[in-house]
Amino acid sequence: MPKSWVYEPITSHYDALLFYNAMKRHYDPFYYIPISVAKREEIGTKYRFLCIARDRSNPEQASLFAKIELYKPPVGIPYATSLYRISPEVWS
């Protein structure tokens, strides 16, 4: 039976470093600022980050939220498995 998700309202320094190392190989017109994280231990560790997404080319554009999932294998480099940006239209 897999363990449940452990939610942390603040991203630790280790989690932020892991996030930025995994995302530097992923080109996107947005840059992401992680604000909270959830973790689940399995074979390796799965992460879900709630982030603020900012447009690189147009800083005046409104920020978005994004959910980014990462996987850190027991041996190897962490990588992104999914990325969802949440537009403000969803809330209206």
PDB file of N, CA and C in Angstrom:
ATOM      1  N   MET A   1       0.844  -1.185   0.000  1.00  0.00           N
ATOM      2  CA  MET A   1       0.000   0.000   0.000  1.00  0.00           C
ATOM      3  C   MET A   1       0.884   1.240   0.000  1.00  0.00           C
ATOM      4  N   PRO A   2       0.677   2.163  -0.967  1.00  0.00           N
ATOM      5  CA  PRO A   2       1.507   3.357  -1.007  1.00  0.00           C
ATOM      6  C   PRO A   2       1.184   4.292   0.151  1.00  0.00           C
ATOM      7  N   LYS A   3       2.180   5.023   0.554  1.00  0.00           N
ATOM      8  CA  LYS A   3       1.987   5.993   1.621  1.00  0.00           C
ATOM      9  C   LYS A   3       1.179   7.174   1.101  1.00  0.00           C
ATOM     10  N   SER A   4       0.603   7.926   2.016  1.00  0.00           N
ATOM     11  CA  SER A   4      -0.208   9.075   1.613  1.00  0.00           C
ATOM     12  C   SER A   4       0.681  10.309   1.403  1.00  0.00           C
ATOM     13  N   TRP A   5       0.096  11.320   0.806  1.00  0.00           N
ATOM     14  CA  TRP A   5       0.809  12.568   0.564  1.00  0.00           C
ATOM     15  C   TRP A   5       1.017  13.312   1.878  1.00  0.00           C
ATOM     16  N   VAL A   6       2.187  13.894   2.040  1.00  0.00           N
ATOM     17  CA  VAL A   6       2.501  14.732   3.197  1.00  0.00           C
ATOM     18  C   VAL A   6       2.590  16.164   2.685  1.00  0.00           C
ATOM     19  N   TYR A   7       1.709  17.028   3.165  1.00  0.00           N
ATOM     20  CA  TYR A   7       1.644  18.409   2.695  1.00  0.00           C
ATOM     21  C   TYR A   7       2.455  19.318   3.605  1.00  0.00           C
ATOM     22  N   GLU A   8       3.205  20.220   2.997  1.00  0.00           N
ATOM     23  CA  GLU A   8       3.982  21.209   3.740  1.00  0.00           C
ATOM     24  C   GLU A   8       3.632  22.588   3.194  1.00  0.00           C
ATOM     25  N   PRO A   9       3.159  23.485   4.052  1.00  0.00           N
ATOM     26  CA  PRO A   9       2.718  24.794   3.561  1.00  0.00           C
ATOM     27  C   PRO A   9       3.856  25.706   3.106  1.00  0.00           C
ATOM     28  N   ILE A  10       5.088  25.373   3.470  1.00  0.00           N
ATOM     29  CA  ILE A  10       6.241  26.184   3.085  1.00  0.00           C
ATOM     30  C   ILE A  10       7.268  25.264   2.439  1.00  0.00           C
ATOM     31  N   THR A  11       7.869  25.734   1.346  1.00  0.00           N
ATOM     32  CA  THR A  11       8.881  24.948   0.642  1.00  0.00           C
ATOM     33  C   THR A  11      10.218  25.100   1.354  1.00  0.00           C
ATOM     34  N   SER A  12      10.850  23.979   1.716  1.00  0.00           N
ATOM     35  CA  SER A  12      12.162  24.021   2.373  1.00  0.00           C
ATOM     36  C   SER A  12      13.241  24.355   1.356  1.00  0.00           C
ATOM     37  N   HIS A  13      14.438  24.672   1.847  1.00  0.00           N
ATOM     38  CA  HIS A  13      15.556  24.974   0.956  1.00  0.00           C
ATOM     39  C   HIS A  13      15.897  23.770   0.081  1.00  0.00           C
ATOM     40  N   TYR A  14      15.866  22.568   0.663  1.00  0.00           N
ATOM     41  CA  TYR A  14      16.163  21.357  -0.100  1.00  0.00           C
ATOM     42  C   TYR A  14      15.131  21.149  -1.211  1.00  0.00           C
ATOM     43  N   ASP A  15      13.857  21.314  -0.880  1.00  0.00           N
ATOM     44  CA  ASP A  15      12.800  21.141  -1.882  1.00  0.00           C
ATOM     45  C   ASP A  15      12.908  22.179  -3.001  1.00  0.00           C
ATOM     46  N   ALA A  16      13.230  23.423  -2.644  1.00  0.00           N
ATOM     47  CA  ALA A  16      13.386  24.473  -3.659  1.00  0.00           C
ATOM     48  C   ALA A  16      14.574  24.165  -4.571  1.00  0.00           C
ATOM     49  N   LEU A  17      15.677  23.702  -4.004  1.00  0.00           N
ATOM     50  CA  LEU A  17      16.847  23.340  -4.811  1.00  0.00           C
ATOM     51  C   LEU A  17      16.513  22.185  -5.749  1.00  0.00           C
ATOM     52  N   LEU A  18      15.819  21.189  -5.237  1.00  0.00           N
ATOM     53  CA  LEU A  18      15.403  20.061  -6.064  1.00  0.00           C
ATOM     54  C   LEU A  18      14.489  20.544  -7.197  1.00  0.00           C
ATOM     55  N   PHE A  19      13.558  21.434  -6.882  1.00  0.00           N
ATOM     56  CA  PHE A  19      12.631  21.981  -7.876  1.00  0.00           C
ATOM     57  C   PHE A  19      13.391  22.696  -8.980  1.00  0.00           C
ATOM     58  N   TYR A  20      14.284  23.611  -8.613  1.00  0.00           N
ATOM     59  CA  TYR A  20      15.002  24.393  -9.628  1.00  0.00           C
ATOM     60  C   TYR A  20      15.950  23.533 -10.446  1.00  0.00           C
ATOM     61  N   ASN A  21      16.567  22.528  -9.840  1.00  0.00           N
ATOM     62  CA  ASN A  21      17.431  21.621 -10.604  1.00  0.00           C
ATOM     63  C   ASN A  21      16.627  20.801 -11.612  1.00  0.00           C
ATOM     64  N   ALA A  22      15.453  20.373 -11.233  1.00  0.00           N
ATOM     65  CA  ALA A  22      14.610  19.594 -12.158  1.00  0.00           C
ATOM     66  C   ALA A  22      14.047  20.477 -13.269  1.00  0.00           C
ATOM     67  N   MET A  23      13.713  21.718 -12.948  1.00  0.00           N
ATOM     68  CA  MET A  23      13.063  22.591 -13.924  1.00  0.00           C
ATOM     69  C   MET A  23      14.045  23.292 -14.860  1.00  0.00           C
ATOM     70  N   LYS A  24      15.329  23.317 -14.542  1.00  0.00           N
ATOM     71  CA  LYS A  24      16.257  24.039 -15.423  1.00  0.00           C
ATOM     72  C   LYS A  24      16.434  23.344 -16.770  1.00  0.00           C
ATOM     73  N   ARG A  25      16.075  22.086 -16.861  1.00  0.00           N
ATOM     74  CA  ARG A  25      16.121  21.372 -18.136  1.00  0.00           C
ATOM     75  C   ARG A  25      14.821  21.507 -18.922  1.00  0.00           C
ATOM     76  N   HIS A  26      13.829  22.146 -18.337  1.00  0.00           N
ATOM     77  CA  HIS A  26      12.514  22.292 -18.953  1.00  0.00           C
ATOM     78  C   HIS A  26      12.343  23.729 -19.430  1.00  0.00           C
ATOM     79  N   TYR A  27      12.329  23.951 -20.767  1.00  0.00           N
ATOM     80  CA  TYR A  27      12.124  25.312 -21.266  1.00  0.00           C
ATOM     81  C   TYR A  27      10.631  25.619 -21.327  1.00  0.00           C
ATOM     82  N   ASP A  28      10.289  26.793 -20.858  1.00  0.00           N
ATOM     83  CA  ASP A  28       8.902  27.217 -20.835  1.00  0.00           C
ATOM     84  C   ASP A  28       8.885  28.737 -20.925  1.00  0.00           C
ATOM     85  N   PRO A  29       7.882  29.342 -21.554  1.00  0.00           N
ATOM     86  CA  PRO A  29       7.822  30.804 -21.594  1.00  0.00           C
ATOM     87  C   PRO A  29       7.487  31.428 -20.228  1.00  0.00           C
ATOM     88  N   PHE A  30       7.251  30.608 -19.229  1.00  0.00           N
ATOM     89  CA  PHE A  30       6.972  31.074 -17.878  1.00  0.00           C
ATOM     90  C   PHE A  30       8.114  30.666 -16.957  1.00  0.00           C
ATOM     91  N   TYR A  31       8.289  31.402 -15.882  1.00  0.00           N
ATOM     92  CA  TYR A  31       9.148  30.914 -14.806  1.00  0.00           C
ATOM     93  C   TYR A  31       8.272  30.695 -13.586  1.00  0.00           C
ATOM     94  N   TYR A  32       8.700  29.784 -12.733  1.00  0.00           N
ATOM     95  CA  TYR A  32       7.850  29.294 -11.651  1.00  0.00           C
ATOM     96  C   TYR A  32       8.502  29.537 -10.299  1.00  0.00           C
ATOM     97  N   ILE A  33       7.675  29.945  -9.348  1.00  0.00           N
ATOM     98  CA  ILE A  33       8.118  30.187  -7.977  1.00  0.00           C
ATOM     99  C   ILE A  33       7.325  29.241  -7.081  1.00  0.00           C
ATOM    100  N   PRO A  34       7.974  28.212  -6.507  1.00  0.00           N
ATOM    101  CA  PRO A  34       7.236  27.269  -5.665  1.00  0.00           C
ATOM    102  C   PRO A  34       6.826  27.912  -4.339  1.00  0.00           C
ATOM    103  N   ILE A  35       5.581  27.664  -3.924  1.00  0.00           N
ATOM    104  CA  ILE A  35       5.106  28.239  -2.659  1.00  0.00           C
ATOM    105  C   ILE A  35       4.706  27.175  -1.641  1.00  0.00           C
ATOM    106  N   SER A  36       4.365  25.974  -2.092  1.00  0.00           N
ATOM    107  CA  SER A  36       4.084  24.877  -1.162  1.00  0.00           C
ATOM    108  C   SER A  36       4.358  23.557  -1.872  1.00  0.00           C
ATOM    109  N   VAL A  37       4.462  22.498  -1.077  1.00  0.00           N
ATOM    110  CA  VAL A  37       4.849  21.210  -1.642  1.00  0.00           C
ATOM    111  C   VAL A  37       4.130  20.079  -0.913  1.00  0.00           C
ATOM    112  N   ALA A  38       3.889  19.000  -1.643  1.00  0.00           N
ATOM    113  CA  ALA A  38       3.396  17.749  -1.069  1.00  0.00           C
ATOM    114  C   ALA A  38       4.340  16.657  -1.556  1.00  0.00           C
ATOM    115  N   LYS A  39       4.621  15.671  -0.687  1.00  0.00           N
ATOM    116  CA  LYS A  39       5.559  14.600  -1.019  1.00  0.00           C
ATOM    117  C   LYS A  39       4.926  13.255  -0.730  1.00  0.00           C
ATOM    118  N   ARG A  40       5.373  12.261  -1.509  1.00  0.00           N
ATOM    119  CA  ARG A  40       4.934  10.887  -1.252  1.00  0.00           C
ATOM    120  C   ARG A  40       6.097   9.962  -1.564  1.00  0.00           C
ATOM    121  N   GLU A  41       6.459   9.156  -0.569  1.00  0.00           N
ATOM    122  CA  GLU A  41       7.537   8.185  -0.727  1.00  0.00           C
ATOM    123  C   GLU A  41       7.002   6.925  -1.367  1.00  0.00           C
ATOM    124  N   GLU A  42       7.633   6.507  -2.432  1.00  0.00           N
ATOM    125  CA  GLU A  42       7.353   5.227  -3.061  1.00  0.00           C
ATOM    126  C   GLU A  42       8.713   4.650  -3.413  1.00  0.00           C
ATOM    127  N   ILE A  43       8.887   4.191  -4.625  1.00  0.00           N
ATOM    128  CA  ILE A  43      10.224   3.854  -5.103  1.00  0.00           C
ATOM    129  C   ILE A  43      10.752   5.169  -5.631  1.00  0.00           C
ATOM    130  N   GLY A  44      11.523   5.869  -4.830  1.00  0.00           N
ATOM    131  CA  GLY A  44      11.866   7.256  -5.108  1.00  0.00           C
ATOM    132  C   GLY A  44      10.860   8.142  -4.392  1.00  0.00           C
ATOM    133  N   THR A  45      10.816   9.396  -4.757  1.00  0.00           N
ATOM    134  CA  THR A  45       9.894  10.335  -4.120  1.00  0.00           C
ATOM    135  C   THR A  45       9.155  11.127  -5.188  1.00  0.00           C
ATOM    136  N   LYS A  46       7.844  11.253  -5.005  1.00  0.00           N
ATOM    137  CA  LYS A  46       7.026  12.089  -5.885  1.00  0.00           C
ATOM    138  C   LYS A  46       6.764  13.404  -5.164  1.00  0.00           C
ATOM    139  N   TYR A  47       6.791  14.490  -5.925  1.00  0.00           N
ATOM    140  CA  TYR A  47       6.556  15.832  -5.386  1.00  0.00           C
ATOM    141  C   TYR A  47       5.453  16.507  -6.185  1.00  0.00           C
ATOM    142  N   ARG A  48       4.637  17.284  -5.498  1.00  0.00           N
ATOM    143  CA  ARG A  48       3.664  18.177  -6.136  1.00  0.00           C
ATOM    144  C   ARG A  48       3.915  19.568  -5.578  1.00  0.00           C
ATOM    145  N   PHE A  49       4.237  20.480  -6.466  1.00  0.00           N
ATOM    146  CA  PHE A  49       4.490  21.861  -6.067  1.00  0.00           C
ATOM    147  C   PHE A  49       3.350  22.748  -6.540  1.00  0.00           C
ATOM    148  N   LEU A  50       2.869  23.607  -5.658  1.00  0.00           N
ATOM    149  CA  LEU A  50       1.973  24.680  -6.045  1.00  0.00           C
ATOM    150  C   LEU A  50       2.865  25.888  -6.270  1.00  0.00           C
ATOM    151  N   CYS A  51       2.756  26.491  -7.462  1.00  0.00           N
ATOM    152  CA  CYS A  51       3.677  27.560  -7.853  1.00  0.00           C
ATOM    153  C   CYS A  51       2.927  28.778  -8.369  1.00  0.00           C
ATOM    154  N   ILE A  52       3.628  29.889  -8.352  1.00  0.00           N
ATOM    155  CA  ILE A  52       3.194  31.080  -9.064  1.00  0.00           C
ATOM    156  C   ILE A  52       3.922  31.061 -10.396  1.00  0.00           C
ATOM    157  N   ALA A  53       3.192  31.248 -11.485  1.00  0.00           N
ATOM    158  CA  ALA A  53       3.769  31.253 -12.834  1.00  0.00           C
ATOM    159  C   ALA A  53       3.775  32.679 -13.359  1.00  0.00           C
ATOM    160  N   ARG A  54       4.958  33.140 -13.769  1.00  0.00           N
ATOM    161  CA  ARG A  54       5.126  34.489 -14.326  1.00  0.00           C
ATOM    162  C   ARG A  54       5.606  34.385 -15.762  1.00  0.00           C
ATOM    163  N   ASP A  55       5.030  35.191 -16.637  1.00  0.00           N
ATOM    164  CA  ASP A  55       5.430  35.215 -18.040  1.00  0.00           C
ATOM    165  C   ASP A  55       6.791  35.899 -18.173  1.00  0.00           C
ATOM    166  N   ARG A  56       7.753  35.221 -18.819  1.00  0.00           N
ATOM    167  CA  ARG A  56       9.095  35.787 -18.982  1.00  0.00           C
ATOM    168  C   ARG A  56       9.095  36.999 -19.905  1.00  0.00           C
ATOM    169  N   SER A  57       8.302  36.967 -20.982  1.00  0.00           N
ATOM    170  CA  SER A  57       8.349  38.025 -21.985  1.00  0.00           C
ATOM    171  C   SER A  57       7.470  39.226 -21.638  1.00  0.00           C
ATOM    172  N   ASN A  58       6.488  39.054 -20.761  1.00  0.00           N
ATOM    173  CA  ASN A  58       5.572  40.138 -20.423  1.00  0.00           C
ATOM    174  C   ASN A  58       5.358  40.171 -18.910  1.00  0.00           C
ATOM    175  N   PRO A  59       6.272  40.820 -18.165  1.00  0.00           N
ATOM    176  CA  PRO A  59       6.147  40.827 -16.702  1.00  0.00           C
ATOM    177  C   PRO A  59       4.900  41.524 -16.170  1.00  0.00           C
ATOM    178  N   GLU A  60       4.266  42.376 -17.003  1.00  0.00           N
ATOM    179  CA  GLU A  60       3.052  43.066 -16.548  1.00  0.00           C
ATOM    180  C   GLU A  60       1.816  42.168 -16.603  1.00  0.00           C
ATOM    181  N   GLN A  61       1.917  41.053 -17.281  1.00  0.00           N
ATOM    182  CA  GLN A  61       0.779  40.131 -17.370  1.00  0.00           C
ATOM    183  C   GLN A  61       0.494  39.543 -15.990  1.00  0.00           C
ATOM    184  N   ALA A  62      -0.755  39.284 -15.718  1.00  0.00           N
ATOM    185  CA  ALA A  62      -1.153  38.729 -14.426  1.00  0.00           C
ATOM    186  C   ALA A  62      -0.493  37.367 -14.195  1.00  0.00           C
ATOM    187  N   SER A  63      -0.156  37.101 -12.955  1.00  0.00           N
ATOM    188  CA  SER A  63       0.418  35.805 -12.590  1.00  0.00           C
ATOM    189  C   SER A  63      -0.643  34.731 -12.627  1.00  0.00           C
ATOM    190  N   LEU A  64      -0.203  33.514 -12.791  1.00  0.00           N
ATOM    191  CA  LEU A  64      -1.083  32.353 -12.767  1.00  0.00           C
ATOM    192  C   LEU A  64      -0.611  31.418 -11.667  1.00  0.00           C
ATOM    193  N   PHE A  65      -1.453  30.493 -11.276  1.00  0.00           N
ATOM    194  CA  PHE A  65      -1.016  29.392 -10.436  1.00  0.00           C
ATOM    195  C   PHE A  65      -0.644  28.225 -11.337  1.00  0.00           C
ATOM    196  N   ALA A  66       0.231  27.374 -10.855  1.00  0.00           N
ATOM    197  CA  ALA A  66       0.602  26.169 -11.597  1.00  0.00           C
ATOM    198  C   ALA A  66       0.824  25.037 -10.606  1.00  0.00           C
ATOM    199  N   LYS A  67       0.497  23.825 -11.053  1.00  0.00           N
ATOM    200  CA  LYS A  67       0.792  22.618 -10.279  1.00  0.00           C
ATOM    201  C   LYS A  67       1.831  21.843 -11.083  1.00  0.00           C
ATOM    202  N   ILE A  68       2.982  21.621 -10.472  1.00  0.00           N
ATOM    203  CA  ILE A  68       4.069  20.921 -11.143  1.00  0.00           C
ATOM    204  C   ILE A  68       4.405  19.672 -10.333  1.00  0.00           C
ATOM    205  N   GLU A  69       4.431  18.540 -11.019  1.00  0.00           N
ATOM    206  CA  GLU A  69       4.770  17.286 -10.373  1.00  0.00           C
ATOM    207  C   GLU A  69       6.163  16.858 -10.810  1.00  0.00           C
ATOM    208  N   LEU A  70       6.964  16.439  -9.843  1.00  0.00           N
ATOM    209  CA  LEU A  70       8.325  15.971 -10.089  1.00  0.00           C
ATOM    210  C   LEU A  70       8.483  14.565  -9.545  1.00  0.00           C
ATOM    211  N   TYR A  71       9.449  13.868 -10.095  1.00  0.00           N
ATOM    212  CA  TYR A  71       9.813  12.547  -9.577  1.00  0.00           C
ATOM    213  C   TYR A  71      11.308  12.534  -9.341  1.00  0.00           C
ATOM    214  N   LYS A  72      11.708  12.118  -8.152  1.00  0.00           N
ATOM    215  CA  LYS A  72      13.121  11.959  -7.813  1.00  0.00           C
ATOM    216  C   LYS A  72      13.375  10.472  -7.624  1.00  0.00           C
ATOM    217  N   PRO A  73      14.072   9.834  -8.594  1.00  0.00           N
ATOM    218  CA  PRO A  73      14.348   8.407  -8.462  1.00  0.00           C
ATOM    219  C   PRO A  73      15.348   8.160  -7.333  1.00  0.00           C
ATOM    220  N   PRO A  74      15.445   6.921  -6.834  1.00  0.00           N
ATOM    221  CA  PRO A  74      16.401   6.624  -5.767  1.00  0.00           C
ATOM    222  C   PRO A  74      17.833   6.971  -6.174  1.00  0.00           C
ATOM    223  N   VAL A  75      18.164   6.744  -7.431  1.00  0.00           N
ATOM    224  CA  VAL A  75      19.479   7.103  -7.961  1.00  0.00           C
ATOM    225  C   VAL A  75      19.239   7.838  -9.266  1.00  0.00           C
ATOM    226  N   GLY A  76      19.750   9.048  -9.389  1.00  0.00           N
ATOM    227  CA  GLY A  76      19.573   9.787 -10.626  1.00  0.00           C
ATOM    228  C   GLY A  76      19.092  11.198 -10.388  1.00  0.00           C
ATOM    229  N   ILE A  77      18.726  11.835 -11.469  1.00  0.00           N
ATOM    230  CA  ILE A  77      18.365  13.244 -11.461  1.00  0.00           C
ATOM    231  C   ILE A  77      16.839  13.390 -11.427  1.00  0.00           C
ATOM    232  N   PRO A  78      16.315  14.295 -10.582  1.00  0.00           N
ATOM    233  CA  PRO A  78      14.868  14.521 -10.567  1.00  0.00           C
ATOM    234  C   PRO A  78      14.406  15.175 -11.869  1.00  0.00           C
ATOM    235  N   TYR A  79      13.148  14.909 -12.241  1.00  0.00           N
ATOM    236  CA  TYR A  79      12.616  15.475 -13.480  1.00  0.00           C
ATOM    237  C   TYR A  79      11.119  15.733 -13.325  1.00  0.00           C
ATOM    238  N   ALA A  80      10.620  16.660 -14.165  1.00  0.00           N
ATOM    239  CA  ALA A  80       9.202  17.011 -14.146  1.00  0.00           C
ATOM    240  C   ALA A  80       8.399  15.940 -14.867  1.00  0.00           C
ATOM    241  N   THR A  81       7.266  15.572 -14.278  1.00  0.00           N
ATOM    242  CA  THR A  81       6.383  14.590 -14.913  1.00  0.00           C
ATOM    243  C   THR A  81       5.103  15.230 -15.445  1.00  0.00           C
ATOM    244  N   SER A  82       4.685  16.358 -14.854  1.00  0.00           N
ATOM    245  CA  SER A  82       3.514  17.073 -15.382  1.00  0.00           C
ATOM    246  C   SER A  82       3.535  18.521 -14.916  1.00  0.00           C
ATOM    247  N   LEU A  83       2.887  19.364 -15.713  1.00  0.00           N
ATOM    248  CA  LEU A  83       2.821  20.788 -15.422  1.00  0.00           C
ATOM    249  C   LEU A  83       1.457  21.286 -15.884  1.00  0.00           C
ATOM    250  N   TYR A  84       0.710  21.881 -14.960  1.00  0.00           N
ATOM    251  CA  TYR A  84      -0.614  22.430 -15.282  1.00  0.00           C
ATOM    252  C   TYR A  84      -0.654  23.870 -14.815  1.00  0.00           C
ATOM    253  N   ARG A  85      -0.883  24.804 -15.740  1.00  0.00           N
ATOM    254  CA  ARG A  85      -1.111  26.197 -15.375  1.00  0.00           C
ATOM    255  C   ARG A  85      -2.606  26.396 -15.215  1.00  0.00           C
ATOM    256  N   ILE A  86      -2.993  27.138 -14.190  1.00  0.00           N
ATOM    257  CA  ILE A  86      -4.400  27.375 -13.883  1.00  0.00           C
ATOM    258  C   ILE A  86      -4.697  28.835 -14.225  1.00  0.00           C
ATOM    259  N   SER A  87      -5.514  29.070 -15.230  1.00  0.00           N
ATOM    260  CA  SER A  87      -5.802  30.431 -15.665  1.00  0.00           C
ATOM    261  C   SER A  87      -6.823  31.077 -14.733  1.00  0.00           C
ATOM    262  N   PRO A  88      -6.809  32.407 -14.633  1.00  0.00           N
ATOM    263  CA  PRO A  88      -7.765  33.100 -13.767  1.00  0.00           C
ATOM    264  C   PRO A  88      -9.221  32.918 -14.182  1.00  0.00           C
ATOM    265  N   GLU A  89      -9.477  32.566 -15.451  1.00  0.00           N
ATOM    266  CA  GLU A  89     -10.846  32.365 -15.919  1.00  0.00           C
ATOM    267  C   GLU A  89     -11.528  31.204 -15.202  1.00  0.00           C
ATOM    268  N   VAL A  90     -10.733  30.284 -14.687  1.00  0.00           N
ATOM    269  CA  VAL A  90     -11.287  29.123 -13.975  1.00  0.00           C
ATOM    270  C   VAL A  90     -12.041  29.572 -12.737  1.00  0.00           C
ATOM    271  N   TRP A  91     -11.593  30.646 -12.103  1.00  0.00           N
ATOM    272  CA  TRP A  91     -12.202  31.095 -10.842  1.00  0.00           C
ATOM    273  C   TRP A  91     -13.414  31.971 -11.045  1.00  0.00           C
ATOM    274  N   SER A  92     -13.627  32.472 -12.249  1.00  0.00           N
ATOM    275  CA  SER A  92     -14.767  33.395 -12.430  1.00  0.00           C
ATOM    276  C   SER A  92     -16.000  32.671 -12.905  1.00  0.00           C
TER     277      SER A  92
END
